[in-house]
PDB file of N, CA and C in Angstrom:
ATOM      1  N   MET A   1      -6.760  -6.393 -11.609  1.00  0.00           N
ATOM      2  CA  MET A   1      -5.920  -6.269 -10.461  1.00  0.00           C
ATOM      3  C   MET A   1      -4.577  -7.048 -10.698  1.00  0.00           C
ATOM      4  N   GLU A   2      -3.511  -6.502 -10.240  1.00  0.00           N
ATOM      5  CA  GLU A   2      -2.292  -7.181 -10.391  1.00  0.00           C
ATOM      6  C   GLU A   2      -1.667  -7.267  -9.033  1.00  0.00           C
ATOM      7  N   LEU A   3      -1.184  -8.495  -8.712  1.00  0.00           N
ATOM      8  CA  LEU A   3      -0.594  -8.802  -7.420  1.00  0.00           C
ATOM      9  C   LEU A   3       0.921  -8.744  -7.514  1.00  0.00           C
ATOM     10  N   LEU A   4       1.579  -7.943  -6.779  1.00  0.00           N
ATOM     11  CA  LEU A   4       3.059  -7.742  -6.908  1.00  0.00           C
ATOM     12  C   LEU A   4       3.767  -8.347  -5.775  1.00  0.00           C
ATOM     13  N   THR A   5       4.976  -8.904  -5.998  1.00  0.00           N
ATOM     14  CA  THR A   5       5.824  -9.454  -4.950  1.00  0.00           C
ATOM     15  C   THR A   5       7.232  -8.952  -5.068  1.00  0.00           C
ATOM     16  N   HIS A   6       7.640  -8.524  -6.214  1.00  0.00           N
ATOM     17  CA  HIS A   6       9.068  -8.119  -6.445  1.00  0.00           C
ATOM     18  C   HIS A   6       9.210  -6.618  -6.577  1.00  0.00           C
ATOM     19  N   PRO A   7      10.167  -6.003  -5.882  1.00  0.00           N
ATOM     20  CA  PRO A   7      10.370  -4.522  -5.937  1.00  0.00           C
ATOM     21  C   PRO A   7      10.424  -3.999  -7.397  1.00  0.00           C
ATOM     22  N   ASP A   8      11.120  -4.743  -8.266  1.00  0.00           N
ATOM     23  CA  ASP A   8      11.309  -4.291  -9.652  1.00  0.00           C
ATOM     24  C   ASP A   8       9.978  -4.187 -10.329  1.00  0.00           C
ATOM     25  N   GLN A   9       9.028  -5.025 -10.078  1.00  0.00           N
ATOM     26  CA  GLN A   9       7.668  -4.976 -10.649  1.00  0.00           C
ATOM     27  C   GLN A   9       7.024  -3.655 -10.305  1.00  0.00           C
ATOM     28  N   PHE A  10       7.157  -3.345  -9.020  1.00  0.00           N
ATOM     29  CA  PHE A  10       6.466  -2.149  -8.522  1.00  0.00           C
ATOM     30  C   PHE A  10       7.101  -0.908  -9.146  1.00  0.00           C
ATOM     31  N   ASP A  11       8.406  -0.840  -9.202  1.00  0.00           N
ATOM     32  CA  ASP A  11       9.049   0.254  -9.834  1.00  0.00           C
ATOM     33  C   ASP A  11       8.722   0.516 -11.253  1.00  0.00           C
ATOM     34  N   LYS A  12       8.595  -0.652 -11.987  1.00  0.00           N
ATOM     35  CA  LYS A  12       8.250  -0.595 -13.421  1.00  0.00           C
ATOM     36  C   LYS A  12       6.792  -0.091 -13.607  1.00  0.00           C
ATOM     37  N   ILE A  13       5.949  -0.512 -12.763  1.00  0.00           N
ATOM     38  CA  ILE A  13       4.555  -0.011 -12.904  1.00  0.00           C
ATOM     39  C   ILE A  13       4.517   1.469 -12.603  1.00  0.00           C
ATOM     40  N   LEU A  14       5.195   1.874 -11.557  1.00  0.00           N
ATOM     41  CA  LEU A  14       5.167   3.304 -11.190  1.00  0.00           C
ATOM     42  C   LEU A  14       5.835   4.132 -12.418  1.00  0.00           C
ATOM     43  N   ALA A  15       6.793   3.570 -13.114  1.00  0.00           N
ATOM     44  CA  ALA A  15       7.428   4.269 -14.208  1.00  0.00           C
ATOM     45  C   ALA A  15       6.500   4.249 -15.463  1.00  0.00           C
ATOM     46  N   ASP A  16       5.765   3.153 -15.636  1.00  0.00           N
ATOM     47  CA  ASP A  16       4.987   3.016 -16.843  1.00  0.00           C
ATOM     48  C   ASP A  16       3.545   3.630 -16.829  1.00  0.00           C
ATOM     49  N   HIS A  17       3.066   3.804 -15.588  1.00  0.00           N
ATOM     50  CA  HIS A  17       1.670   4.315 -15.379  1.00  0.00           C
ATOM     51  C   HIS A  17       1.643   5.587 -14.545  1.00  0.00           C
ATOM     52  N   PRO A  18       1.135   6.698 -15.082  1.00  0.00           N
ATOM     53  CA  PRO A  18       1.205   7.960 -14.323  1.00  0.00           C
ATOM     54  C   PRO A  18       0.355   7.958 -13.048  1.00  0.00           C
ATOM     55  N   LEU A  19      -0.737   7.200 -13.053  1.00  0.00           N
ATOM     56  CA  LEU A  19      -1.642   7.130 -11.903  1.00  0.00           C
ATOM     57  C   LEU A  19      -1.771   5.682 -11.464  1.00  0.00           C
ATOM     58  N   VAL A  20      -1.362   5.453 -10.175  1.00  0.00           N
ATOM     59  CA  VAL A  20      -1.341   4.031  -9.589  1.00  0.00           C
ATOM     60  C   VAL A  20      -1.933   4.125  -8.245  1.00  0.00           C
ATOM     61  N   LEU A  21      -2.822   3.210  -7.935  1.00  0.00           N
ATOM     62  CA  LEU A  21      -3.389   2.959  -6.678  1.00  0.00           C
ATOM     63  C   LEU A  21      -2.848   1.645  -6.067  1.00  0.00           C
ATOM     64  N   ALA A  22      -2.065   1.683  -5.009  1.00  0.00           N
ATOM     65  CA  ALA A  22      -1.437   0.478  -4.436  1.00  0.00           C
ATOM     66  C   ALA A  22      -2.246   0.101  -3.185  1.00  0.00           C
ATOM     67  N   TYR A  23      -2.620  -1.132  -3.117  1.00  0.00           N
ATOM     68  CA  TYR A  23      -3.385  -1.636  -1.969  1.00  0.00           C
ATOM     69  C   TYR A  23      -2.519  -2.575  -1.236  1.00  0.00           C
ATOM     70  N   PHE A  24      -2.027  -2.248  -0.035  1.00  0.00           N
ATOM     71  CA  PHE A  24      -1.142  -3.125   0.776  1.00  0.00           C
ATOM     72  C   PHE A  24      -2.117  -3.886   1.702  1.00  0.00           C
ATOM     73  N   SER A  25      -1.954  -5.242   1.701  1.00  0.00           N
ATOM     74  CA  SER A  25      -2.829  -6.095   2.466  1.00  0.00           C
ATOM     75  C   SER A  25      -2.032  -7.212   3.000  1.00  0.00           C
ATOM     76  N   GLY A  26      -2.769  -8.121   3.715  1.00  0.00           N
ATOM     77  CA  GLY A  26      -2.130  -9.307   4.315  1.00  0.00           C
ATOM     78  C   GLY A  26      -3.049 -10.530   4.108  1.00  0.00           C
ATOM     79  N   GLU A  27      -2.453 -11.638   4.107  1.00  0.00           N
ATOM     80  CA  GLU A  27      -3.161 -12.860   3.834  1.00  0.00           C
ATOM     81  C   GLU A  27      -4.310 -13.161   4.840  1.00  0.00           C
ATOM     82  N   ASN A  28      -4.014 -12.964   6.155  1.00  0.00           N
ATOM     83  CA  ASN A  28      -5.006 -13.354   7.160  1.00  0.00           C
ATOM     84  C   ASN A  28      -5.654 -12.099   7.767  1.00  0.00           C
ATOM     85  N   CYS A  29      -5.705 -11.020   7.053  1.00  0.00           N
ATOM     86  CA  CYS A  29      -6.368  -9.773   7.508  1.00  0.00           C
ATOM     87  C   CYS A  29      -7.809  -9.697   7.034  1.00  0.00           C
ATOM     88  N   SER A  30      -8.728  -9.865   7.873  1.00  0.00           N
ATOM     89  CA  SER A  30     -10.119  -9.896   7.551  1.00  0.00           C
ATOM     90  C   SER A  30     -10.605  -8.507   6.995  1.00  0.00           C
ATOM     91  N   VAL A  31     -10.102  -7.435   7.566  1.00  0.00           N
ATOM     92  CA  VAL A  31     -10.415  -6.049   7.088  1.00  0.00           C
ATOM     93  C   VAL A  31      -9.900  -5.950   5.674  1.00  0.00           C
ATOM     94  N   CYS A  32      -8.714  -6.310   5.421  1.00  0.00           N
ATOM     95  CA  CYS A  32      -8.125  -6.260   4.076  1.00  0.00           C
ATOM     96  C   CYS A  32      -8.927  -7.017   3.012  1.00  0.00           C
ATOM     97  N   ASN A  33      -9.364  -8.209   3.421  1.00  0.00           N
ATOM     98  CA  ASN A  33     -10.159  -9.062   2.451  1.00  0.00           C
ATOM     99  C   ASN A  33     -11.512  -8.500   2.190  1.00  0.00           C
ATOM    100  N   THR A  34     -12.107  -7.722   3.211  1.00  0.00           N
ATOM    101  CA  THR A  34     -13.428  -7.158   3.073  1.00  0.00           C
ATOM    102  C   THR A  34     -13.342  -5.895   2.236  1.00  0.00           C
ATOM    103  N   LEU A  35     -12.271  -5.126   2.522  1.00  0.00           N
ATOM    104  CA  LEU A  35     -12.155  -3.789   1.853  1.00  0.00           C
ATOM    105  C   LEU A  35     -11.613  -3.875   0.373  1.00  0.00           C
ATOM    106  N   ARG A  36     -10.787  -4.899   0.164  1.00  0.00           N
ATOM    107  CA  ARG A  36     -10.174  -4.982  -1.222  1.00  0.00           C
ATOM    108  C   ARG A  36     -11.142  -4.903  -2.383  1.00  0.00           C
ATOM    109  N   PRO A  37     -12.190  -5.736  -2.407  1.00  0.00           N
ATOM    110  CA  PRO A  37     -13.079  -5.717  -3.584  1.00  0.00           C
ATOM    111  C   PRO A  37     -13.767  -4.333  -3.735  1.00  0.00           C
ATOM    112  N   LYS A  38     -14.034  -3.661  -2.584  1.00  0.00           N
ATOM    113  CA  LYS A  38     -14.686  -2.255  -2.642  1.00  0.00           C
ATOM    114  C   LYS A  38     -13.684  -1.255  -3.256  1.00  0.00           C
ATOM    115  N   VAL A  39     -12.413  -1.324  -2.900  1.00  0.00           N
ATOM    116  CA  VAL A  39     -11.433  -0.433  -3.438  1.00  0.00           C
ATOM    117  C   VAL A  39     -11.271  -0.731  -4.915  1.00  0.00           C
ATOM    118  N   GLU A  40     -11.161  -2.063  -5.238  1.00  0.00           N
ATOM    119  CA  GLU A  40     -10.918  -2.460  -6.600  1.00  0.00           C
ATOM    120  C   GLU A  40     -12.112  -1.988  -7.441  1.00  0.00           C
ATOM    121  N   MET A  41     -13.316  -2.150  -7.020  1.00  0.00           N
ATOM    122  CA  MET A  41     -14.531  -1.681  -7.775  1.00  0.00           C
ATOM    123  C   MET A  41     -14.488  -0.205  -7.914  1.00  0.00           C
ATOM    124  N   LEU A  42     -14.157   0.511  -6.919  1.00  0.00           N
ATOM    125  CA  LEU A  42     -14.089   1.973  -6.940  1.00  0.00           C
ATOM    126  C   LEU A  42     -13.180   2.433  -8.092  1.00  0.00           C
ATOM    127  N   VAL A  43     -12.010   1.840  -8.161  1.00  0.00           N
ATOM    128  CA  VAL A  43     -11.074   2.241  -9.187  1.00  0.00           C
ATOM    129  C   VAL A  43     -11.589   1.868 -10.549  1.00  0.00           C
ATOM    130  N   GLU A  44     -12.126   0.662 -10.704  1.00  0.00           N
ATOM    131  CA  GLU A  44     -12.626   0.209 -12.023  1.00  0.00           C
ATOM    132  C   GLU A  44     -13.776   1.079 -12.517  1.00  0.00           C
ATOM    133  N   GLN A  45     -14.674   1.473 -11.624  1.00  0.00           N
ATOM    134  CA  GLN A  45     -15.902   2.194 -12.047  1.00  0.00           C
ATOM    135  C   GLN A  45     -15.692   3.737 -12.162  1.00  0.00           C
ATOM    136  N   GLN A  46     -14.933   4.292 -11.189  1.00  0.00           N
ATOM    137  CA  GLN A  46     -14.804   5.762 -11.244  1.00  0.00           C
ATOM    138  C   GLN A  46     -13.479   6.269 -11.721  1.00  0.00           C
ATOM    139  N   PHE A  47     -12.482   5.507 -11.752  1.00  0.00           N
ATOM    140  CA  PHE A  47     -11.139   5.959 -12.123  1.00  0.00           C
ATOM    141  C   PHE A  47     -10.453   4.919 -13.078  1.00  0.00           C
ATOM    142  N   PRO A  48     -10.991   4.803 -14.266  1.00  0.00           N
ATOM    143  CA  PRO A  48     -10.478   3.800 -15.190  1.00  0.00           C
ATOM    144  C   PRO A  48      -9.029   4.042 -15.657  1.00  0.00           C
ATOM    145  N   SER A  49      -8.603   5.331 -15.542  1.00  0.00           N
ATOM    146  CA  SER A  49      -7.257   5.662 -15.930  1.00  0.00           C
ATOM    147  C   SER A  49      -6.219   5.310 -14.899  1.00  0.00           C
ATOM    148  N   VAL A  50      -6.677   4.899 -13.767  1.00  0.00           N
ATOM    149  CA  VAL A  50      -5.727   4.555 -12.637  1.00  0.00           C
ATOM    150  C   VAL A  50      -5.419   3.020 -12.598  1.00  0.00           C
ATOM    151  N   LYS A  51      -4.214   2.803 -12.591  1.00  0.00           N
ATOM    152  CA  LYS A  51      -3.669   1.394 -12.487  1.00  0.00           C
ATOM    153  C   LYS A  51      -3.829   0.912 -11.023  1.00  0.00           C
ATOM    154  N   TYR A  52      -4.525  -0.225 -10.825  1.00  0.00           N
ATOM    155  CA  TYR A  52      -4.795  -0.745  -9.513  1.00  0.00           C
ATOM    156  C   TYR A  52      -3.829  -1.980  -9.244  1.00  0.00           C
ATOM    157  N   ILE A  53      -3.083  -1.957  -8.181  1.00  0.00           N
ATOM    158  CA  ILE A  53      -2.246  -3.048  -7.853  1.00  0.00           C
ATOM    159  C   ILE A  53      -2.425  -3.471  -6.421  1.00  0.00           C
ATOM    160  N   GLU A  54      -2.072  -4.731  -6.074  1.00  0.00           N
ATOM    161  CA  GLU A  54      -2.175  -5.180  -4.689  1.00  0.00           C
ATOM    162  C   GLU A  54      -0.751  -5.722  -4.275  1.00  0.00           C
ATOM    163  N   ILE A  55      -0.360  -5.413  -3.023  1.00  0.00           N
ATOM    164  CA  ILE A  55       0.846  -5.936  -2.514  1.00  0.00           C
ATOM    165  C   ILE A  55       0.528  -6.593  -1.242  1.00  0.00           C
ATOM    166  N   LYS A  56       0.806  -7.979  -1.177  1.00  0.00           N
ATOM    167  CA  LYS A  56       0.613  -8.704   0.072  1.00  0.00           C
ATOM    168  C   LYS A  56       1.899  -8.498   0.865  1.00  0.00           C
ATOM    169  N   SER A  57       1.671  -7.955   1.985  1.00  0.00           N
ATOM    170  CA  SER A  57       2.847  -7.486   2.882  1.00  0.00           C
ATOM    171  C   SER A  57       3.825  -8.637   3.168  1.00  0.00           C
ATOM    172  N   GLU A  58       3.319  -9.804   3.473  1.00  0.00           N
ATOM    173  CA  GLU A  58       4.230 -10.959   3.869  1.00  0.00           C
ATOM    174  C   GLU A  58       4.979 -11.492   2.662  1.00  0.00           C
ATOM    175  N   LYS A  59       4.434 -11.273   1.433  1.00  0.00           N
ATOM    176  CA  LYS A  59       5.073 -11.777   0.278  1.00  0.00           C
ATOM    177  C   LYS A  59       5.976 -10.769  -0.399  1.00  0.00           C
ATOM    178  N   ALA A  60       5.850  -9.484   0.106  1.00  0.00           N
ATOM    179  CA  ALA A  60       6.676  -8.468  -0.543  1.00  0.00           C
ATOM    180  C   ALA A  60       7.231  -7.574   0.621  1.00  0.00           C
ATOM    181  N   PRO A  61       8.002  -8.139   1.480  1.00  0.00           N
ATOM    182  CA  PRO A  61       8.518  -7.342   2.591  1.00  0.00           C
ATOM    183  C   PRO A  61       9.330  -6.085   2.194  1.00  0.00           C
ATOM    184  N   TYR A  62      10.155  -6.278   1.165  1.00  0.00           N
ATOM    185  CA  TYR A  62      10.974  -5.139   0.719  1.00  0.00           C
ATOM    186  C   TYR A  62      10.131  -3.895   0.322  1.00  0.00           C
ATOM    187  N   ILE A  63       9.101  -4.197  -0.492  1.00  0.00           N
ATOM    188  CA  ILE A  63       8.170  -3.126  -0.936  1.00  0.00           C
ATOM    189  C   ILE A  63       7.525  -2.481   0.277  1.00  0.00           C
ATOM    190  N   THR A  64       7.008  -3.382   1.165  1.00  0.00           N
ATOM    191  CA  THR A  64       6.296  -2.871   2.323  1.00  0.00           C
ATOM    192  C   THR A  64       7.240  -1.953   3.155  1.00  0.00           C
ATOM    193  N   ALA A  65       8.491  -2.382   3.401  1.00  0.00           N
ATOM    194  CA  ALA A  65       9.436  -1.606   4.157  1.00  0.00           C
ATOM    195  C   ALA A  65       9.845  -0.359   3.516  1.00  0.00           C
ATOM    196  N   LYS A  66       9.992  -0.396   2.124  1.00  0.00           N
ATOM    197  CA  LYS A  66      10.414   0.802   1.387  1.00  0.00           C
ATOM    198  C   LYS A  66       9.356   1.889   1.556  1.00  0.00           C
ATOM    199  N   TYR A  67       8.115   1.615   1.618  1.00  0.00           N
ATOM    200  CA  TYR A  67       7.045   2.554   1.675  1.00  0.00           C
ATOM    201  C   TYR A  67       6.538   2.768   3.137  1.00  0.00           C
ATOM    202  N   SER A  68       7.275   2.237   4.140  1.00  0.00           N
ATOM    203  CA  SER A  68       6.929   2.402   5.520  1.00  0.00           C
ATOM    204  C   SER A  68       5.542   1.978   5.878  1.00  0.00           C
ATOM    205  N   VAL A  69       5.119   0.840   5.387  1.00  0.00           N
ATOM    206  CA  VAL A  69       3.770   0.221   5.705  1.00  0.00           C
ATOM    207  C   VAL A  69       4.012  -0.566   6.925  1.00  0.00           C
ATOM    208  N   PHE A  70       3.490  -0.083   8.077  1.00  0.00           N
ATOM    209  CA  PHE A  70       3.617  -0.797   9.404  1.00  0.00           C
ATOM    210  C   PHE A  70       2.352  -1.423   9.848  1.00  0.00           C
ATOM    211  N   SER A  71       1.204  -1.078   9.245  1.00  0.00           N
ATOM    212  CA  SER A  71      -0.048  -1.743   9.544  1.00  0.00           C
ATOM    213  C   SER A  71      -0.836  -1.946   8.232  1.00  0.00           C
ATOM    214  N   ILE A  72      -1.808  -2.763   8.276  1.00  0.00           N
ATOM    215  CA  ILE A  72      -2.563  -3.037   7.000  1.00  0.00           C
ATOM    216  C   ILE A  72      -4.013  -2.944   7.348  1.00  0.00           C
ATOM    217  N   PRO A  73      -4.852  -2.627   6.463  1.00  0.00           N
ATOM    218  CA  PRO A  73      -4.624  -2.306   5.016  1.00  0.00           C
ATOM    219  C   PRO A  73      -4.075  -0.871   4.917  1.00  0.00           C
ATOM    220  N   VAL A  74      -3.359  -0.542   3.867  1.00  0.00           N
ATOM    221  CA  VAL A  74      -2.905   0.742   3.489  1.00  0.00           C
ATOM    222  C   VAL A  74      -3.198   0.903   2.006  1.00  0.00           C
ATOM    223  N   VAL A  75      -3.765   2.114   1.669  1.00  0.00           N
ATOM    224  CA  VAL A  75      -3.944   2.461   0.272  1.00  0.00           C
ATOM    225  C   VAL A  75      -3.032   3.698   0.011  1.00  0.00           C
ATOM    226  N   MET A  76      -2.266   3.537  -1.061  1.00  0.00           N
ATOM    227  CA  MET A  76      -1.391   4.668  -1.475  1.00  0.00           C
ATOM    228  C   MET A  76      -1.659   4.970  -2.962  1.00  0.00           C
ATOM    229  N   PHE A  77      -1.886   6.313  -3.229  1.00  0.00           N
ATOM    230  CA  PHE A  77      -2.122   6.765  -4.531  1.00  0.00           C
ATOM    231  C   PHE A  77      -0.900   7.529  -5.020  1.00  0.00           C
ATOM    232  N   PHE A  78      -0.398   7.030  -6.143  1.00  0.00           N
ATOM    233  CA  PHE A  78       0.806   7.635  -6.724  1.00  0.00           C
ATOM    234  C   PHE A  78       0.474   8.367  -7.993  1.00  0.00           C
ATOM    235  N   VAL A  79       1.172   9.566  -8.144  1.00  0.00           N
ATOM    236  CA  VAL A  79       1.022  10.343  -9.381  1.00  0.00           C
ATOM    237  C   VAL A  79       2.480  10.494  -9.837  1.00  0.00           C
ATOM    238  N   GLU A  80       2.739   9.956 -11.071  1.00  0.00           N
ATOM    239  CA  GLU A  80       4.040  10.050 -11.645  1.00  0.00           C
ATOM    240  C   GLU A  80       5.105   9.580 -10.671  1.00  0.00           C
ATOM    241  N   GLY A  81       4.855   8.506  -9.982  1.00  0.00           N
ATOM    242  CA  GLY A  81       5.835   7.920  -9.088  1.00  0.00           C
ATOM    243  C   GLY A  81       5.927   8.463  -7.682  1.00  0.00           C
ATOM    244  N   ARG A  82       5.184   9.542  -7.436  1.00  0.00           N
ATOM    245  CA  ARG A  82       5.240  10.153  -6.082  1.00  0.00           C
ATOM    246  C   ARG A  82       3.930   9.843  -5.350  1.00  0.00           C
ATOM    247  N   ASP A  83       4.015   9.508  -4.060  1.00  0.00           N
ATOM    248  CA  ASP A  83       2.751   9.222  -3.403  1.00  0.00           C
ATOM    249  C   ASP A  83       2.062  10.513  -2.916  1.00  0.00           C
ATOM    250  N   TYR A  84       0.826  10.698  -3.212  1.00  0.00           N
ATOM    251  CA  TYR A  84       0.015  11.780  -2.856  1.00  0.00           C
ATOM    252  C   TYR A  84      -1.068  11.556  -1.823  1.00  0.00           C
ATOM    253  N   ILE A  85      -1.512  10.320  -1.783  1.00  0.00           N
ATOM    254  CA  ILE A  85      -2.506   9.977  -0.767  1.00  0.00           C
ATOM    255  C   ILE A  85      -2.048   8.703  -0.064  1.00  0.00           C
ATOM    256  N   ARG A  86      -2.229   8.723   1.182  1.00  0.00           N
ATOM    257  CA  ARG A  86      -1.948   7.494   2.073  1.00  0.00           C
ATOM    258  C   ARG A  86      -3.062   7.370   3.044  1.00  0.00           C
ATOM    259  N   GLU A  87      -3.728   6.302   3.008  1.00  0.00           N
ATOM    260  CA  GLU A  87      -4.795   6.008   4.003  1.00  0.00           C
ATOM    261  C   GLU A  87      -4.505   4.652   4.605  1.00  0.00           C
ATOM    262  N   ALA A  88      -4.636   4.601   5.871  1.00  0.00           N
ATOM    263  CA  ALA A  88      -4.309   3.374   6.622  1.00  0.00           C
ATOM    264  C   ALA A  88      -5.414   2.974   7.538  1.00  0.00           C
ATOM    265  N   ARG A  89      -5.561   1.662   7.788  1.00  0.00           N
ATOM    266  CA  ARG A  89      -6.389   1.005   8.735  1.00  0.00           C
ATOM    267  C   ARG A  89      -7.911   1.438   8.544  1.00  0.00           C
ATOM    268  N   ASN A  90      -8.399   2.445   9.123  1.00  0.00           N
ATOM    269  CA  ASN A  90      -9.755   2.899   9.012  1.00  0.00           C
ATOM    270  C   ASN A  90      -9.918   3.666   7.740  1.00  0.00           C
ATOM    271  N   ILE A  91     -10.173   3.112   6.632  1.00  0.00           N
ATOM    272  CA  ILE A  91     -10.193   3.800   5.334  1.00  0.00           C
ATOM    273  C   ILE A  91     -11.618   4.129   4.976  1.00  0.00           C
ATOM    274  N   SER A  92     -11.884   5.382   4.783  1.00  0.00           N
ATOM    275  CA  SER A  92     -13.309   5.837   4.340  1.00  0.00           C
ATOM    276  C   SER A  92     -13.179   5.939   2.765  1.00  0.00           C
ATOM    277  N   LEU A  93     -14.028   5.090   2.180  1.00  0.00           N
ATOM    278  CA  LEU A  93     -14.039   5.167   0.708  1.00  0.00           C
ATOM    279  C   LEU A  93     -14.549   6.417   0.134  1.00  0.00           C
ATOM    280  N   ASP A  94     -15.505   7.111   0.841  1.00  0.00           N
ATOM    281  CA  ASP A  94     -15.989   8.384   0.410  1.00  0.00           C
ATOM    282  C   ASP A  94     -14.792   9.440   0.422  1.00  0.00           C
ATOM    283  N   GLU A  95     -14.050   9.460   1.444  1.00  0.00           N
ATOM    284  CA  GLU A  95     -12.902  10.392   1.592  1.00  0.00           C
ATOM    285  C   GLU A  95     -11.848  10.083   0.537  1.00  0.00           C
ATOM    286  N   LEU A  96     -11.537   8.739   0.306  1.00  0.00           N
ATOM    287  CA  LEU A  96     -10.560   8.380  -0.635  1.00  0.00           C
ATOM    288  C   LEU A  96     -11.079   8.822  -2.038  1.00  0.00           C
ATOM    289  N   THR A  97     -12.367   8.633  -2.332  1.00  0.00           N
ATOM    290  CA  THR A  97     -12.928   8.988  -3.666  1.00  0.00           C
ATOM    291  C   THR A  97     -12.789  10.524  -3.858  1.00  0.00           C
ATOM    292  N   LYS A  98     -13.090  11.322  -2.873  1.00  0.00           N
ATOM    293  CA  LYS A  98     -12.978  12.781  -2.972  1.00  0.00           C
ATOM    294  C   LYS A  98     -11.624  13.210  -3.248  1.00  0.00           C
ATOM    295  N   LYS A  99     -10.618  12.616  -2.501  1.00  0.00           N
ATOM    296  CA  LYS A  99      -9.195  13.037  -2.725  1.00  0.00           C
ATOM    297  C   LYS A  99      -8.673  12.598  -4.069  1.00  0.00           C
ATOM    298  N   MET A 100      -9.026  11.354  -4.458  1.00  0.00           N
ATOM    299  CA  MET A 100      -8.602  10.907  -5.765  1.00  0.00           C
ATOM    300  C   MET A 100      -9.197  11.650  -6.872  1.00  0.00           C
ATOM    301  N   ASP A 101     -10.514  11.933  -6.794  1.00  0.00           N
ATOM    302  CA  ASP A 101     -11.184  12.771  -7.769  1.00  0.00           C
ATOM    303  C   ASP A 101     -10.545  14.116  -8.074  1.00  0.00           C
ATOM    304  N   LYS A 102     -10.165  14.785  -6.982  1.00  0.00           N
ATOM    305  CA  LYS A 102      -9.498  16.085  -7.160  1.00  0.00           C
ATOM    306  C   LYS A 102      -8.184  15.942  -7.955  1.00  0.00           C
ATOM    307  N   ILE A 103      -7.354  14.958  -7.495  1.00  0.00           N
ATOM    308  CA  ILE A 103      -6.073  14.723  -8.181  1.00  0.00           C
ATOM    309  C   ILE A 103      -6.189  14.346  -9.628  1.00  0.00           C
ATOM    310  N   VAL A 104      -7.083  13.310  -9.825  1.00  0.00           N
ATOM    311  CA  VAL A 104      -7.308  12.829 -11.183  1.00  0.00           C
ATOM    312  C   VAL A 104      -7.802  13.891 -12.143  1.00  0.00           C
ATOM    313  N   ASN A 105      -8.706  14.608 -11.682  1.00  0.00           N
ATOM    314  CA  ASN A 105      -9.248  15.759 -12.499  1.00  0.00           C
ATOM    315  C   ASN A 105      -8.172  16.798 -12.855  1.00  0.00           C
ATOM    316  N   LEU A 106      -7.389  17.125 -11.882  1.00  0.00           N
ATOM    317  CA  LEU A 106      -6.281  18.036 -12.123  1.00  0.00           C
ATOM    318  C   LEU A 106      -5.287  17.531 -13.093  1.00  0.00           C
ATOM    319  N   TYR A 107      -4.987  16.254 -12.920  1.00  0.00           N
ATOM    320  CA  TYR A 107      -3.936  15.556 -13.731  1.00  0.00           C
ATOM    321  C   TYR A 107      -4.414  15.431 -15.194  1.00  0.00           C
ATOM    322  N   GLU A 108      -5.687  15.040 -15.368  1.00  0.00           N
ATOM    323  CA  GLU A 108      -6.173  14.708 -16.648  1.00  0.00           C
ATOM    324  C   GLU A 108      -6.636  16.060 -17.432  1.00  0.00           C
ATOM    325  N   ASP A 109      -6.722  17.167 -16.842  1.00  0.00           N
ATOM    326  CA  ASP A 109      -7.123  18.348 -17.478  1.00  0.00           C
ATOM    327  C   ASP A 109      -6.024  19.000 -18.280  1.00  0.00           C
TER     328      ASP A 109
END
């Protein structure tokens, strides 16, 4: 997992990695802290080709604003720099897995 704070870091990762899952969270967000390890484990175990990154909203306000993240947690899945999946607040890992699986399979075929 990589924790980003600077917009240039985020842009570089999107340019260097075709599949990126960004997890927007907050320091004092109990839901964020509970969900984060589950999302991270999901990516590690089922989607090893996906780059997983985390953005703490209060430490990276420019990135948060650029992607219109108004509540946390938010999960965004990028394919070649474009966001294809956006899940916020009440995130279902099963639904996220199904959506990512479709996209990753299409991309990697």
